[in-house]
Amino acid sequence: MRNLDAAFSALADPTRRALLARLARGEATVLELAEPFDMTQPAISRHLKVLEGAGLIVRRVEGTKRPCRLAPAAITEIDQWLGLLRDALAKNYDRLDDVLATMKPKPRKARR
């Protein structure tokens, strides 16, 4: 991936996340992507340009249309980076489990 910072910056916007979610179902044109939004086509195009610049989508030319689709390699790279974090967290929890397993509970005082 060109830049994780660019990808996460692009993902910070809810409209762009919604566009990616729609593209997860398959290729779509700008007009198709703009349908559910209360936004102009040029505004959607600007969002798509950010996603394309971050390497999250690719466009192709088909006559006058420019269908967009997800860039699977970019999504995979983000997932791999997040996987490193998941693995680190799992190791931390495993170490905590080991520590807790070696601790002996303190005896409780009887209540009167």
Protein backbone atom coordinates (compact mmCIF):
# COMPACT_ATOMS: atom_id res chain seq x y z
CA MET A 1 0.00 0.00 0.00
CA ARG A 2 1.24 3.43 -0.84
CA ASN A 3 0.49 4.88 2.52
CA LEU A 4 -1.43 3.63 5.52
CA ASP A 5 -1.88 7.22 6.69
CA ALA A 6 -3.70 8.09 3.45
CA ALA A 7 -5.86 4.98 3.72
CA PHE A 8 -6.90 5.66 7.31
CA SER A 9 -7.44 9.33 6.53
CA ALA A 10 -9.75 8.32 3.70
CA LEU A 11 -11.55 5.86 5.97
CA ALA A 12 -12.13 8.56 8.59
CA ASP A 13 -15.04 9.96 6.58
CA PRO A 14 -18.39 8.14 6.95
CA THR A 15 -19.41 8.86 3.36
CA ARG A 16 -16.25 7.26 2.04
CA ARG A 17 -16.75 4.24 4.31
CA ALA A 18 -20.30 3.93 2.96
CA LEU A 19 -18.98 4.13 -0.61
CA LEU A 20 -16.50 1.34 0.12
CA ALA A 21 -19.25 -0.75 1.70
CA ARG A 22 -21.32 -0.33 -1.46
CA LEU A 23 -18.34 -1.24 -3.66
CA ALA A 24 -17.84 -4.39 -1.57
CA ARG A 25 -21.04 -5.63 -3.26
CA GLY A 26 -19.57 -5.00 -6.73
CA GLU A 27 -18.46 -2.45 -9.27
CA ALA A 28 -20.55 0.72 -9.64
CA THR A 29 -20.57 3.99 -11.54
CA VAL A 30 -20.48 7.41 -9.91
CA LEU A 31 -24.21 7.85 -10.64
CA GLU A 32 -25.03 4.53 -8.99
CA LEU A 33 -22.88 5.38 -6.00
CA ALA A 34 -24.45 8.84 -5.64
CA GLU A 35 -28.06 7.53 -5.53
CA PRO A 36 -28.45 6.96 -1.77
CA PHE A 37 -26.69 10.19 -0.78
CA ASP A 38 -28.07 13.69 -0.49
CA MET A 39 -25.01 14.94 -2.34
CA THR A 40 -24.15 16.14 -5.81
CA GLN A 41 -22.36 13.88 -8.26
CA PRO A 42 -19.27 16.15 -8.16
CA ALA A 43 -19.16 15.80 -4.34
CA ILE A 44 -19.26 12.00 -4.67
CA SER A 45 -16.55 12.22 -7.32
CA ARG A 46 -14.35 14.15 -4.89
CA HIS A 47 -14.82 11.42 -2.28
CA LEU A 48 -13.95 8.80 -4.89
CA LYS A 49 -10.83 10.74 -5.85
CA VAL A 50 -9.68 10.58 -2.19
CA LEU A 51 -10.35 6.83 -2.08
CA GLU A 52 -8.51 6.36 -5.36
CA GLY A 53 -5.58 8.47 -4.17
CA ALA A 54 -5.35 6.31 -1.04
CA GLY A 55 -5.24 3.21 -3.26
CA LEU A 56 -8.52 1.82 -1.89
CA ILE A 57 -10.40 1.83 -5.20
CA VAL A 58 -9.55 1.65 -8.88
CA ARG A 59 -11.47 3.09 -11.81
CA ARG A 60 -11.58 2.07 -15.43
CA VAL A 61 -12.86 3.89 -18.47
CA GLU A 62 -15.86 2.37 -20.22
CA GLY A 63 -17.02 4.85 -22.85
CA THR A 64 -18.33 7.85 -20.94
CA LYS A 65 -18.58 5.91 -17.69
CA ARG A 66 -15.84 5.35 -15.12
CA PRO A 67 -16.89 2.34 -13.04
CA CYS A 68 -15.20 1.97 -9.66
CA ARG A 69 -14.27 -1.14 -7.76
CA LEU A 70 -12.43 -2.00 -4.57
CA ALA A 71 -8.69 -2.51 -4.76
CA PRO A 72 -8.45 -5.89 -2.99
CA ALA A 73 -4.68 -5.65 -2.46
CA ALA A 74 -5.06 -2.40 -0.51
CA ILE A 75 -7.83 -3.84 1.65
CA THR A 76 -5.67 -6.92 2.28
CA GLU A 77 -2.72 -4.76 3.34
CA ILE A 78 -4.88 -2.85 5.83
CA ASP A 79 -6.20 -6.16 7.16
CA GLN A 80 -2.64 -7.50 7.53
CA TRP A 81 -1.60 -4.39 9.48
CA LEU A 82 -4.65 -4.73 11.73
CA GLY A 83 -3.79 -8.41 12.09
CA LEU A 84 -0.45 -7.43 13.62
CA LEU A 85 -2.33 -5.40 16.22
CA ARG A 86 -4.77 -8.26 16.88
CA ASP A 87 -1.85 -10.66 17.37
CA ALA A 88 -0.12 -8.26 19.77
CA LEU A 89 -3.31 -7.88 21.81
CA ALA A 90 -3.81 -11.64 21.91
CA LYS A 91 -0.25 -12.11 23.20
CA ASN A 92 -0.84 -9.47 25.88
CA TYR A 93 -4.00 -11.27 26.99
CA ASP A 94 -2.16 -14.60 27.00
CA ARG A 95 0.55 -13.13 29.26
CA LEU A 96 -2.12 -11.69 31.55
CA ASP A 97 -3.82 -15.11 31.70
CA ASP A 98 -0.46 -16.67 32.66
CA VAL A 99 0.08 -14.11 35.43
CA LEU A 100 -3.44 -14.53 36.76
CA ALA A 101 -3.08 -18.31 36.72
CA THR A 102 -0.01 -18.13 38.99
CA MET A 103 -1.62 -15.79 41.51
CA LYS A 104 -3.06 -17.31 44.64
CA PRO A 105 -6.30 -15.83 45.90
CA LYS A 106 -6.08 -14.14 49.27
CA PRO A 107 -8.20 -15.77 51.94
CA ARG A 108 -11.34 -13.82 52.74
CA LYS A 109 -11.97 -12.70 56.26
CA ALA A 110 -15.11 -14.02 57.81
CA ARG A 111 -17.87 -11.47 58.29
CA ARG A 112 -19.41 -11.02 61.68
